[in-house]
N, C-alpha and C. Protein backbone atom coordinates (compact mmCIF):
# COMPACT_ATOMS: atom_id res chain seq x y z
N MET A 1 -38.38 0.48 5.69
CA MET A 1 -38.70 1.77 4.37
C MET A 1 -38.03 2.71 5.04
N THR A 2 -38.22 3.16 6.12
CA THR A 2 -37.81 4.26 6.85
C THR A 2 -36.31 4.20 6.73
N GLU A 3 -35.57 3.16 7.11
CA GLU A 3 -34.20 3.02 7.32
C GLU A 3 -33.77 3.30 5.84
N ASP A 4 -34.31 2.82 4.88
CA ASP A 4 -33.76 2.74 3.24
C ASP A 4 -33.99 4.37 2.91
N LEU A 5 -34.84 5.55 3.30
CA LEU A 5 -35.05 6.52 3.06
C LEU A 5 -33.93 7.24 3.72
N ASN A 6 -33.70 7.08 5.03
CA ASN A 6 -32.62 7.56 5.68
C ASN A 6 -31.51 7.48 5.21
N SER A 7 -31.04 6.15 4.45
CA SER A 7 -30.09 5.92 4.06
C SER A 7 -29.66 6.68 2.58
N VAL A 8 -30.78 6.49 2.03
CA VAL A 8 -30.75 7.51 0.40
C VAL A 8 -30.60 9.06 1.07
N LYS A 9 -31.07 9.41 2.30
CA LYS A 9 -30.90 10.94 2.20
C LYS A 9 -29.52 11.23 3.02
N SER A 10 -29.05 10.24 3.59
CA SER A 10 -27.61 10.47 4.09
C SER A 10 -26.61 10.51 2.58
N ASP A 11 -26.85 9.51 1.86
CA ASP A 11 -26.22 9.68 0.45
C ASP A 11 -26.18 11.02 -0.06
N ARG A 12 -27.06 11.53 -0.16
CA ARG A 12 -27.34 12.78 -0.64
C ARG A 12 -26.64 14.29 -0.10
N SER A 13 -26.32 13.71 1.31
CA SER A 13 -25.91 14.95 2.22
C SER A 13 -24.25 14.85 1.88
N TYR A 14 -23.66 14.02 1.34
CA TYR A 14 -22.35 14.48 0.91
C TYR A 14 -22.44 15.48 -0.22
N HIS A 15 -21.31 16.32 -0.04
CA HIS A 15 -20.97 17.53 -1.09
C HIS A 15 -20.48 16.72 -2.13
N HIS A 16 -20.47 17.13 -3.31
CA HIS A 16 -20.11 16.48 -4.65
C HIS A 16 -18.65 15.95 -4.64
N GLY A 17 -18.24 15.00 -4.83
CA GLY A 17 -16.99 14.58 -4.62
C GLY A 17 -16.56 13.90 -2.82
N ALA A 18 -17.38 14.26 -2.39
CA ALA A 18 -17.02 14.14 -0.93
C ALA A 18 -17.08 12.13 -0.57
N LEU A 19 -18.05 11.54 -1.38
CA LEU A 19 -18.49 10.08 -1.06
C LEU A 19 -17.38 9.39 -1.33
N ARG A 20 -16.89 9.33 -2.44
CA ARG A 20 -15.81 8.57 -2.89
C ARG A 20 -14.58 8.58 -1.62
N PRO A 21 -13.92 9.72 -0.99
CA PRO A 21 -13.06 9.56 -0.12
C PRO A 21 -13.64 8.92 1.16
N ALA A 22 -14.61 9.27 1.23
CA ALA A 22 -15.47 8.78 2.72
C ALA A 22 -15.60 7.23 2.62
N LEU A 23 -15.85 6.53 1.51
CA LEU A 23 -15.99 5.24 1.57
C LEU A 23 -14.54 4.62 1.18
N ILE A 24 -13.57 5.44 0.79
CA ILE A 24 -12.52 4.48 0.82
C ILE A 24 -11.78 4.64 2.41
N ALA A 25 -11.92 5.74 2.88
CA ALA A 25 -11.91 5.78 4.60
C ALA A 25 -12.43 4.87 5.22
N ALA A 26 -13.80 4.26 4.96
CA ALA A 26 -14.41 3.43 5.69
C ALA A 26 -13.96 2.12 5.24
N ALA A 27 -13.65 2.04 4.03
CA ALA A 27 -13.08 0.54 3.55
C ALA A 27 -11.76 0.38 4.37
N GLU A 28 -10.87 1.20 4.44
CA GLU A 28 -9.47 1.12 5.14
C GLU A 28 -9.86 0.71 6.63
N ALA A 29 -11.05 1.39 7.24
CA ALA A 29 -11.21 1.01 8.62
C ALA A 29 -11.68 -0.33 8.84
N VAL A 30 -12.53 -0.92 7.79
CA VAL A 30 -12.94 -2.44 7.84
C VAL A 30 -11.75 -3.38 7.62
N LEU A 31 -11.02 -3.33 6.60
CA LEU A 31 -9.75 -3.66 6.50
C LEU A 31 -9.03 -3.91 7.59
N ALA A 32 -8.58 -2.61 8.25
CA ALA A 32 -7.96 -2.62 9.57
C ALA A 32 -8.24 -3.71 10.39
N GLU A 33 -9.65 -3.71 10.82
CA GLU A 33 -10.19 -4.65 11.98
C GLU A 33 -10.50 -5.93 11.52
N ARG A 34 -10.60 -5.97 10.12
CA ARG A 34 -11.06 -7.40 9.57
C ARG A 34 -10.47 -8.43 8.70
N GLY A 35 -9.32 -7.53 8.21
CA GLY A 35 -8.45 -7.86 7.27
C GLY A 35 -9.14 -8.26 5.93
N THR A 36 -8.49 -8.80 4.66
CA THR A 36 -9.26 -8.85 3.59
C THR A 36 -10.41 -9.98 3.52
N HIS A 37 -10.02 -10.96 4.36
CA HIS A 37 -11.00 -11.88 4.54
C HIS A 37 -12.24 -11.63 4.83
N GLY A 38 -12.57 -10.47 5.98
CA GLY A 38 -13.40 -10.33 6.77
C GLY A 38 -14.18 -8.94 6.00
N PHE A 39 -13.42 -8.35 4.62
CA PHE A 39 -14.05 -7.26 4.17
C PHE A 39 -15.66 -7.12 3.62
N SER A 40 -16.19 -6.48 3.54
CA SER A 40 -17.57 -6.44 3.28
C SER A 40 -18.06 -4.81 2.68
N LEU A 41 -18.38 -5.03 1.83
CA LEU A 41 -19.05 -3.90 1.01
C LEU A 41 -20.02 -3.22 1.70
N ARG A 42 -21.02 -3.94 2.17
CA ARG A 42 -22.08 -3.61 3.34
C ARG A 42 -21.64 -2.94 4.48
N GLU A 43 -20.65 -3.36 4.95
CA GLU A 43 -20.31 -2.99 6.36
C GLU A 43 -19.69 -1.65 5.80
N THR A 44 -18.96 -1.52 4.81
CA THR A 44 -18.34 -0.26 4.13
C THR A 44 -19.38 0.90 4.12
N ALA A 45 -20.41 0.68 3.47
CA ALA A 45 -21.42 1.51 3.45
C ALA A 45 -21.94 1.90 4.44
N ARG A 46 -22.29 1.11 5.47
CA ARG A 46 -22.89 1.30 6.65
C ARG A 46 -21.86 2.42 7.67
N ARG A 47 -20.68 1.98 7.25
CA ARG A 47 -19.78 3.25 8.37
C ARG A 47 -19.52 4.28 7.71
N ALA A 48 -19.68 4.45 6.42
CA ALA A 48 -19.70 5.82 6.08
C ALA A 48 -20.93 6.27 5.91
N GLY A 49 -22.04 5.40 6.19
CA GLY A 49 -23.10 6.17 6.72
C GLY A 49 -24.29 6.36 5.50
N VAL A 50 -23.97 5.56 4.36
CA VAL A 50 -24.80 5.60 3.29
C VAL A 50 -25.37 4.26 3.00
N SER A 51 -26.03 4.34 2.16
CA SER A 51 -26.97 2.68 1.40
C SER A 51 -26.20 1.99 0.89
N PRO A 52 -26.37 0.43 1.01
CA PRO A 52 -25.42 -0.33 0.64
C PRO A 52 -25.17 -0.33 -1.17
N ALA A 53 -26.05 0.57 -1.70
CA ALA A 53 -26.10 0.52 -3.31
C ALA A 53 -25.06 1.67 -3.53
N ALA A 54 -24.94 2.70 -2.51
CA ALA A 54 -23.92 3.82 -2.76
C ALA A 54 -22.48 3.67 -3.48
N PRO A 55 -21.77 2.80 -2.70
CA PRO A 55 -20.36 2.59 -3.59
C PRO A 55 -20.35 2.07 -4.75
N ALA A 56 -21.95 1.47 -5.51
CA ALA A 56 -21.69 1.13 -6.92
C ALA A 56 -21.51 2.32 -7.84
N HIS A 57 -21.73 3.62 -6.97
CA HIS A 57 -21.89 4.56 -8.09
C HIS A 57 -20.27 5.29 -8.25
N HIS A 58 -19.76 4.86 -7.34
CA HIS A 58 -18.10 5.18 -7.75
C HIS A 58 -17.29 3.89 -7.99
N PHE A 59 -17.51 3.03 -7.67
CA PHE A 59 -16.45 1.79 -7.54
C PHE A 59 -17.16 0.67 -8.35
N ARG A 60 -18.27 0.51 -8.59
CA ARG A 60 -19.12 -0.66 -9.28
C ARG A 60 -19.19 -1.62 -8.74
N ASP A 61 -18.22 -2.20 -7.98
CA ASP A 61 -18.18 -3.54 -6.92
C ASP A 61 -17.11 -3.43 -6.04
N ALA A 62 -17.10 -4.32 -5.12
CA ALA A 62 -16.01 -4.31 -4.15
C ALA A 62 -14.27 -4.66 -4.62
N ALA A 63 -14.34 -5.06 -5.80
CA ALA A 63 -12.91 -5.12 -6.13
C ALA A 63 -12.56 -3.52 -6.56
N GLY A 64 -13.47 -2.90 -7.18
CA GLY A 64 -13.29 -1.46 -7.89
C GLY A 64 -12.86 -0.35 -6.54
N LEU A 65 -13.51 -0.89 -4.96
CA LEU A 65 -13.29 0.02 -4.21
C LEU A 65 -11.79 -0.47 -3.41
N LEU A 66 -11.46 -1.86 -3.42
CA LEU A 66 -10.45 -2.52 -3.07
C LEU A 66 -9.19 -1.99 -3.70
N THR A 67 -9.33 -1.87 -4.98
CA THR A 67 -8.25 -1.24 -5.78
C THR A 67 -8.05 0.01 -5.47
N ALA A 68 -9.11 1.07 -5.39
CA ALA A 68 -8.78 2.47 -4.88
C ALA A 68 -8.04 2.55 -3.87
N VAL A 69 -8.64 1.44 -2.55
CA VAL A 69 -7.55 1.41 -1.38
C VAL A 69 -5.85 1.34 -1.69
N ALA A 70 -6.12 0.19 -2.50
CA ALA A 70 -4.73 -0.38 -3.06
C ALA A 70 -3.75 0.83 -3.87
N ALA A 71 -4.37 1.55 -4.86
CA ALA A 71 -3.70 2.33 -5.20
C ALA A 71 -3.32 3.75 -4.34
N GLY A 72 -4.19 4.10 -3.16
CA GLY A 72 -3.68 5.10 -2.45
C GLY A 72 -2.57 4.53 -1.68
N ALA A 73 -2.58 3.24 -1.28
CA ALA A 73 -1.57 2.71 -0.25
C ALA A 73 -0.09 2.89 -1.11
N PHE A 74 -0.20 2.49 -2.63
CA PHE A 74 1.00 2.56 -3.29
C PHE A 74 1.39 3.80 -3.62
N ARG A 75 0.30 4.92 -3.69
CA ARG A 75 0.79 6.03 -3.64
C ARG A 75 1.67 6.52 -2.31
N ASP A 76 1.00 6.47 -1.30
CA ASP A 76 1.86 6.81 0.09
C ASP A 76 3.12 6.05 0.44
N LEU A 77 3.35 4.68 -0.18
CA LEU A 77 4.60 4.29 -0.25
C LEU A 77 5.27 4.82 -1.04
N GLY A 78 5.12 5.31 -2.48
CA GLY A 78 5.77 6.01 -3.32
C GLY A 78 6.37 7.33 -2.38
N ASP A 79 5.16 7.73 -2.00
CA ASP A 79 5.65 9.03 -1.19
C ASP A 79 6.89 8.83 -0.10
N SER A 80 6.59 7.85 0.38
CA SER A 80 7.59 7.27 1.62
C SER A 80 9.18 6.99 1.04
N LEU A 81 9.29 6.43 -0.43
CA LEU A 81 10.24 5.87 -1.08
C LEU A 81 10.80 7.21 -1.31
N GLU A 82 10.31 8.22 -1.84
CA GLU A 82 10.60 9.38 -2.49
C GLU A 82 11.36 10.40 -1.57
N ALA A 83 10.85 10.13 -0.23
CA ALA A 83 11.38 11.20 0.80
C ALA A 83 12.70 10.65 1.50
N ALA A 84 13.12 9.37 0.91
CA ALA A 84 14.19 8.66 1.19
C ALA A 84 15.35 8.88 0.20
N GLU A 85 14.94 9.42 -1.06
CA GLU A 85 15.67 9.54 -1.83
C GLU A 85 16.95 9.97 -1.84
N GLY A 86 17.16 11.30 -0.86
CA GLY A 86 18.00 12.29 -0.74
C GLY A 86 19.00 11.77 0.28
N ALA A 87 19.04 10.46 0.49
CA ALA A 87 19.80 9.88 1.77
C ALA A 87 21.42 9.83 1.38
N GLY A 88 22.01 10.62 0.51
CA GLY A 88 23.49 10.27 0.03
C GLY A 88 23.40 9.83 -1.08
N GLY A 89 24.64 8.84 -0.99
CA GLY A 89 24.92 8.04 -2.24
C GLY A 89 24.05 6.83 -2.42
N ARG A 90 24.61 5.84 -3.38
CA ARG A 90 23.55 4.62 -3.74
C ARG A 90 23.50 3.86 -2.24
N ASP A 91 24.14 3.31 -1.72
CA ASP A 91 24.25 2.60 -0.80
C ASP A 91 23.37 3.10 0.40
N SER A 92 23.36 4.30 0.92
CA SER A 92 22.58 4.98 1.73
C SER A 92 21.29 5.11 1.27
N ARG A 93 21.05 5.59 0.00
CA ARG A 93 19.72 5.55 -0.47
C ARG A 93 18.97 4.14 -0.56
N ILE A 94 19.58 3.01 -0.61
CA ILE A 94 19.04 1.77 -0.68
C ILE A 94 18.73 1.49 0.76
N ARG A 95 19.48 1.84 1.54
CA ARG A 95 19.12 1.56 3.17
C ARG A 95 17.95 2.33 3.30
N ALA A 96 18.08 3.98 3.19
CA ALA A 96 16.95 4.36 3.77
C ALA A 96 15.71 4.12 2.93
N GLN A 97 15.55 3.55 1.90
CA GLN A 97 14.55 3.28 1.14
C GLN A 97 13.76 1.77 1.69
N GLY A 98 14.80 0.89 1.92
CA GLY A 98 14.37 -0.46 2.62
C GLY A 98 13.86 -0.32 3.92
N VAL A 99 14.29 0.81 4.60
CA VAL A 99 13.90 1.39 6.22
C VAL A 99 12.39 1.65 6.17
N ALA A 100 12.49 2.61 4.95
CA ALA A 100 11.09 3.23 4.67
C ALA A 100 9.86 2.24 4.21
N TYR A 101 10.61 1.39 3.51
CA TYR A 101 9.42 0.47 3.10
C TYR A 101 8.71 -0.38 4.06
N VAL A 102 9.78 -0.82 4.95
CA VAL A 102 9.32 -1.79 6.00
C VAL A 102 8.62 -1.28 7.12
N ARG A 103 8.81 0.30 7.45
CA ARG A 103 8.17 0.99 8.44
C ARG A 103 6.62 1.14 7.66
N PHE A 104 6.69 1.38 6.46
CA PHE A 104 5.50 1.54 5.65
C PHE A 104 4.50 0.20 6.18
N ALA A 105 5.02 -0.72 5.80
CA ALA A 105 4.36 -1.92 5.86
C ALA A 105 3.63 -2.08 7.41
N LEU A 106 4.80 -1.91 8.52
CA LEU A 106 4.59 -1.95 9.72
C LEU A 106 3.17 -0.80 10.15
N ALA A 107 3.36 0.16 9.47
CA ALA A 107 2.31 1.09 10.29
C ALA A 107 0.96 1.11 9.51
N ASN A 108 1.05 0.07 8.16
CA ASN A 108 -0.05 0.19 7.48
C ASN A 108 -0.37 -1.62 7.11
N ARG A 109 -0.59 -1.97 8.02
CA ARG A 109 -0.84 -3.65 8.02
C ARG A 109 -1.81 -4.34 7.00
N ALA A 110 -2.90 -3.90 7.03
CA ALA A 110 -4.09 -3.92 6.22
C ALA A 110 -3.88 -3.46 4.83
N ARG A 111 -3.54 -2.57 4.78
CA ARG A 111 -3.29 -1.65 3.41
C ARG A 111 -2.22 -2.38 2.70
N PHE A 112 -0.94 -2.60 3.27
CA PHE A 112 -0.10 -3.47 2.50
C PHE A 112 -0.45 -4.60 2.73
N ASP A 113 -1.15 -5.73 2.92
CA ASP A 113 -1.50 -6.75 2.73
C ASP A 113 -2.09 -6.59 1.37
N LEU A 114 -3.39 -5.72 1.45
CA LEU A 114 -4.06 -5.81 0.19
C LEU A 114 -3.21 -5.44 -0.94
N MET A 115 -2.16 -4.30 -0.90
CA MET A 115 -1.70 -4.14 -2.13
C MET A 115 -1.01 -5.52 -3.12
N TRP A 116 -0.97 -6.58 -2.69
CA TRP A 116 -0.28 -7.59 -2.97
C TRP A 116 -1.22 -9.03 -3.14
N ARG A 117 -2.61 -8.52 -3.37
CA ARG A 117 -3.81 -9.35 -3.31
C ARG A 117 -4.40 -9.44 -4.69
N ALA A 118 -3.35 -9.82 -5.92
CA ALA A 118 -4.09 -9.82 -7.09
C ALA A 118 -5.57 -10.11 -7.39
N ALA A 119 -5.92 -11.28 -6.45
CA ALA A 119 -7.10 -11.85 -6.97
C ALA A 119 -8.46 -10.88 -6.54
N LEU A 120 -8.17 -10.04 -5.58
CA LEU A 120 -9.07 -9.05 -4.95
C LEU A 120 -9.09 -7.98 -6.13
N LEU A 121 -8.26 -7.34 -6.52
CA LEU A 121 -8.19 -6.08 -7.65
C LEU A 121 -8.31 -6.37 -8.87
N LYS A 122 -8.45 -5.00 -9.27
CA LYS A 122 -8.37 -5.00 -10.88
C LYS A 122 -7.17 -4.22 -11.33
N ARG A 123 -6.26 -5.16 -11.33
CA ARG A 123 -4.59 -4.32 -11.67
C ARG A 123 -4.21 -3.90 -13.02
N ASP A 124 -5.33 -3.74 -13.88
CA ASP A 124 -5.46 -3.03 -15.22
C ASP A 124 -5.92 -1.77 -14.96
N ASP A 125 -6.48 -1.33 -13.63
CA ASP A 125 -6.92 0.05 -13.37
C ASP A 125 -5.71 1.00 -13.64
N LEU A 126 -6.18 1.92 -14.10
CA LEU A 126 -4.96 2.98 -14.50
C LEU A 126 -4.69 3.56 -13.10
N ASP A 127 -5.12 3.88 -12.07
CA ASP A 127 -4.63 4.52 -10.98
C ASP A 127 -3.75 3.64 -10.38
N TYR A 128 -4.17 2.58 -10.19
CA TYR A 128 -3.54 1.42 -9.41
C TYR A 128 -2.11 1.32 -10.24
N ALA A 129 -1.98 0.86 -11.55
CA ALA A 129 -0.96 0.59 -12.36
C ALA A 129 -0.19 1.75 -11.86
N ALA A 130 -0.46 3.12 -12.39
CA ALA A 130 0.32 4.21 -12.22
C ALA A 130 1.11 4.35 -10.81
N ALA A 131 0.42 3.94 -9.63
CA ALA A 131 1.03 4.18 -8.35
C ALA A 131 1.86 3.29 -8.20
N ALA A 132 1.79 1.86 -8.55
CA ALA A 132 2.53 0.76 -8.32
C ALA A 132 3.69 0.84 -9.38
N ALA A 133 3.85 1.41 -10.44
CA ALA A 133 4.90 1.75 -11.56
C ALA A 133 5.60 2.90 -10.72
N ARG A 134 5.31 3.85 -10.18
CA ARG A 134 5.86 4.98 -9.40
C ARG A 134 6.85 4.44 -8.12
N ALA A 135 6.16 3.64 -7.66
CA ALA A 135 6.82 3.05 -6.41
C ALA A 135 7.92 2.22 -6.89
N PHE A 136 8.03 1.29 -7.84
CA PHE A 136 8.92 0.43 -8.51
C PHE A 136 9.94 1.42 -8.93
N LEU A 137 9.91 2.72 -9.98
CA LEU A 137 10.60 3.40 -10.65
C LEU A 137 11.50 4.18 -9.38
N LEU A 138 10.82 4.26 -8.21
CA LEU A 138 11.83 5.18 -7.68
C LEU A 138 12.79 3.83 -6.77
N LEU A 139 12.31 2.95 -6.23
CA LEU A 139 13.30 1.79 -5.88
C LEU A 139 14.33 1.49 -6.81
N ASP A 140 13.72 1.27 -8.35
CA ASP A 140 14.72 0.85 -9.22
C ASP A 140 15.88 2.30 -9.57
N ARG A 141 15.22 3.20 -9.18
CA ARG A 141 16.14 4.64 -9.24
C ARG A 141 17.32 4.47 -8.07
N ALA A 142 16.99 4.25 -7.09
CA ALA A 142 17.73 4.22 -6.16
C ALA A 142 18.98 2.86 -6.30
N VAL A 143 18.33 1.84 -6.86
CA VAL A 143 19.41 0.66 -7.05
C VAL A 143 20.46 1.12 -8.23
N ARG A 144 19.89 1.22 -9.41
CA ARG A 144 20.41 1.56 -10.66
C ARG A 144 20.48 2.63 -11.12
N GLY A 145 20.28 3.80 -10.40
CA GLY A 145 20.42 5.13 -10.79
C GLY A 145 19.88 5.83 -11.97
N GLY A 146 19.87 6.81 -12.50
CA GLY A 146 18.96 7.04 -13.46
C GLY A 146 17.91 7.93 -13.08
N THR A 147 17.00 8.83 -13.95
CA THR A 147 16.50 9.55 -13.56
C THR A 147 14.98 9.04 -14.43
N GLY A 148 15.16 8.31 -15.43
CA GLY A 148 14.06 8.15 -16.50
C GLY A 148 13.06 6.99 -15.99
N ALA A 149 12.27 6.65 -17.18
CA ALA A 149 11.24 5.72 -16.76
C ALA A 149 12.02 4.17 -16.98
N ALA A 150 11.75 3.41 -15.65
CA ALA A 150 12.37 2.35 -15.51
C ALA A 150 12.06 0.96 -16.41
N GLU A 151 11.90 0.17 -16.76
CA GLU A 151 11.60 -0.84 -17.26
C GLU A 151 10.34 -1.52 -16.17
N ALA A 152 9.46 -2.21 -16.94
CA ALA A 152 8.56 -2.94 -15.95
C ALA A 152 9.26 -4.07 -15.12
N PRO A 153 8.95 -4.16 -13.73
CA PRO A 153 9.66 -5.26 -13.06
C PRO A 153 9.76 -6.71 -13.83
N GLY A 154 10.71 -7.21 -13.88
CA GLY A 154 10.94 -8.55 -14.45
C GLY A 154 11.76 -8.21 -16.03
N GLY A 155 11.94 -7.03 -16.08
CA GLY A 155 12.87 -6.76 -17.51
C GLY A 155 14.01 -6.98 -17.29
N PRO A 156 15.01 -7.31 -18.25
CA PRO A 156 16.33 -7.79 -18.27
C PRO A 156 17.14 -7.09 -17.32
N GLU A 157 17.09 -5.82 -17.29
CA GLU A 157 18.02 -4.63 -16.58
C GLU A 157 17.28 -4.20 -15.10
N THR A 158 16.30 -5.33 -14.91
CA THR A 158 15.93 -4.86 -13.21
C THR A 158 16.36 -5.67 -12.44
N ALA A 159 17.32 -6.96 -12.53
CA ALA A 159 17.35 -7.71 -11.57
C ALA A 159 17.91 -7.21 -10.46
N PRO A 160 18.82 -6.19 -10.52
CA PRO A 160 19.41 -5.58 -9.21
C PRO A 160 18.32 -4.95 -8.18
N SER A 161 17.38 -4.25 -9.06
CA SER A 161 16.07 -3.87 -8.19
C SER A 161 15.48 -4.93 -7.68
N ILE A 162 14.90 -5.96 -8.62
CA ILE A 162 13.83 -6.95 -8.16
C ILE A 162 14.77 -7.75 -6.63
N ALA A 163 16.30 -8.04 -6.81
CA ALA A 163 16.98 -8.52 -5.55
C ALA A 163 16.48 -7.56 -4.47
N CYS A 164 16.72 -6.09 -4.85
CA CYS A 164 16.38 -5.33 -3.34
C CYS A 164 14.97 -5.51 -3.02
N TRP A 165 14.14 -5.45 -3.94
CA TRP A 165 12.64 -5.63 -3.55
C TRP A 165 12.45 -6.93 -2.91
N ALA A 166 12.85 -8.04 -3.29
CA ALA A 166 12.77 -9.27 -2.68
C ALA A 166 13.02 -9.49 -1.27
N MET A 167 14.37 -8.57 -1.18
CA MET A 167 14.82 -8.77 0.27
C MET A 167 14.10 -7.91 1.37
N VAL A 168 13.68 -6.70 0.64
CA VAL A 168 13.03 -5.85 1.72
C VAL A 168 11.79 -6.23 1.57
N HIS A 169 11.15 -6.65 0.71
CA HIS A 169 9.68 -7.41 0.97
C HIS A 169 9.62 -8.74 1.97
N GLY A 170 10.48 -9.15 1.86
CA GLY A 170 10.52 -10.50 2.60
C GLY A 170 11.20 -10.27 3.87
N PHE A 171 11.78 -9.16 3.99
CA PHE A 171 11.93 -8.71 5.61
C PHE A 171 10.58 -8.15 6.32
N ALA A 172 10.06 -7.47 5.51
CA ALA A 172 8.93 -6.81 5.98
C ALA A 172 7.71 -7.62 6.25
N THR A 173 7.85 -8.62 5.81
CA THR A 173 7.01 -10.03 5.70
C THR A 173 7.04 -10.71 7.16
N LEU A 174 8.53 -10.85 7.37
CA LEU A 174 9.01 -11.55 8.76
C LEU A 174 8.69 -10.71 9.85
N ALA A 175 8.79 -9.52 9.42
CA ALA A 175 8.58 -8.39 10.62
C ALA A 175 6.96 -8.32 11.03
N LEU A 176 6.29 -8.12 10.07
CA LEU A 176 4.81 -8.74 10.37
C LEU A 176 4.33 -9.72 10.60
N ASP A 177 5.18 -10.60 10.59
CA ASP A 177 4.77 -12.18 10.85
C ASP A 177 5.22 -12.42 12.36
N GLY A 178 5.77 -11.48 13.01
CA GLY A 178 6.41 -11.68 14.37
C GLY A 178 7.56 -12.61 14.56
N GLU A 179 8.50 -12.34 13.32
CA GLU A 179 9.55 -13.21 13.39
C GLU A 179 10.85 -12.62 14.04
N PHE A 180 10.66 -11.25 14.06
CA PHE A 180 11.64 -10.79 14.98
C PHE A 180 11.63 -10.66 16.52
N GLY A 181 10.46 -11.03 16.80
CA GLY A 181 10.00 -10.86 18.03
C GLY A 181 8.71 -10.23 18.22
N THR A 182 7.67 -10.47 19.01
CA THR A 182 6.44 -10.01 19.39
C THR A 182 6.10 -9.08 20.40
N ALA A 183 7.17 -8.75 21.22
CA ALA A 183 7.23 -7.95 22.29
C ALA A 183 7.01 -6.29 21.48
N PRO A 184 6.44 -5.39 22.28
CA PRO A 184 6.33 -4.01 21.77
C PRO A 184 7.71 -3.29 21.42
N GLY A 185 7.95 -2.81 20.37
CA GLY A 185 8.91 -2.31 19.72
C GLY A 185 10.26 -3.35 19.07
N ALA A 186 9.82 -4.65 19.00
CA ALA A 186 10.62 -5.40 18.65
C ALA A 186 10.98 -5.49 16.99
N ALA A 187 9.75 -5.25 15.96
CA ALA A 187 9.79 -5.15 15.00
C ALA A 187 10.90 -3.87 14.75
N GLU A 188 10.57 -3.06 15.24
CA GLU A 188 11.41 -1.63 14.68
C GLU A 188 12.83 -1.57 15.42
N ALA A 189 12.71 -2.31 16.32
CA ALA A 189 14.14 -2.65 16.50
C ALA A 189 15.15 -3.65 15.57
N ALA A 190 14.25 -4.17 14.72
CA ALA A 190 14.97 -5.03 13.66
C ALA A 190 14.98 -4.17 12.82
N VAL A 191 14.13 -3.42 12.33
CA VAL A 191 14.37 -2.75 11.16
C VAL A 191 15.54 -1.63 11.46
N GLU A 192 15.75 -0.93 12.84
CA GLU A 192 16.88 -0.19 12.94
C GLU A 192 18.14 -0.97 12.84
N GLY A 193 18.30 -2.03 13.68
CA GLY A 193 19.68 -2.59 13.90
C GLY A 193 19.88 -3.74 12.81
N LEU A 194 18.75 -4.58 12.41
CA LEU A 194 19.35 -5.82 11.57
C LEU A 194 19.25 -5.42 10.21
N LEU A 195 18.31 -4.76 9.68
CA LEU A 195 17.64 -4.30 8.29
C LEU A 195 19.06 -3.76 7.46
N PRO A 196 19.70 -3.00 7.78
CA PRO A 196 20.57 -1.97 7.49
C PRO A 196 21.78 -3.10 7.02
N ALA A 197 22.05 -3.96 8.12
CA ALA A 197 23.03 -4.99 7.72
C ALA A 197 22.69 -5.77 6.63
N VAL A 198 21.59 -6.50 6.59
CA VAL A 198 20.90 -7.02 5.61
C VAL A 198 21.14 -6.45 4.49
N LEU A 199 21.16 -5.01 4.19
CA LEU A 199 20.87 -4.52 3.15
C LEU A 199 22.48 -4.41 2.42
N ASP A 200 23.18 -4.18 3.32
CA ASP A 200 24.65 -4.24 2.99
C ASP A 200 25.19 -5.38 1.87
N HIS A 201 24.40 -6.49 1.97
CA HIS A 201 24.68 -7.51 1.08
C HIS A 201 24.39 -7.07 -0.15
N LEU A 202 23.70 -6.01 -0.85
CA LEU A 202 23.45 -5.46 -1.73
C LEU A 202 24.23 -4.47 -2.02
N ALA A 203 25.12 -3.99 -1.14
CA ALA A 203 25.92 -2.74 -1.73
C ALA A 203 27.31 -3.45 -2.38
N VAL A 204 27.00 -3.79 -3.48
CA VAL A 204 28.63 -4.30 -4.59
C VAL A 204 28.23 -3.43 -5.53
C-alpha cells in the first residue's frame, strides 16, 4: 500500500506535459536493453518512476506507447534524410541519404527495429503516419526530384524510390546483422566504402 501511494505521489511530481516524454524515454531505454520481445509496460513505468497505471493516461496501452516511440524515430530519421538533401546533384543526394539512413539504423538499433513492427504499432495513428510519410517524401524527392507531396509508397510513379529504399534498407539490415563483419568499426567501414558503390547502381 505504501509503495502504491509513493507511486501515485511520483506520478503527480511530474509537471504538466512532462510525463509523456519521460515515459517515451523510459520505453526507449527498455527497448535498447531488451528489444521488442522483452518490452514491458510495467518496467517502463517503473523506470519512469510512476505507477503501472500511469502510461494509460497518455497512451492507453503498450501499442500506443510503442507507436509514439516509432513516430519519434521516424521524425529523427526524416531529420537525418533532410540534412542530407543539400548534397549536390541527384546522385550525390541519393548517396548522402543512403549513408544517413544506414547510420541512423546503426545508431538506433532498437528504435529502427520497432519502426517496422506493424503488429506492435497503431499504424493509423496520425503522428506516426505523418512522420513515416515525411521520411518517404524526403527519399522520394531525392530520387525523383520535385518539392510537392509524394505518392504513397507503392504508387505507380514511386518505383525508383522503392528500389532505392529497398536497397538501402536491405544494406542497413545486413549491417545490423553483422554481415559486413562484427569487429568494431566494420559496419561503419562498409557504410563508407561499400554503400556508395552499391548506390551507384541507381545512378541511371
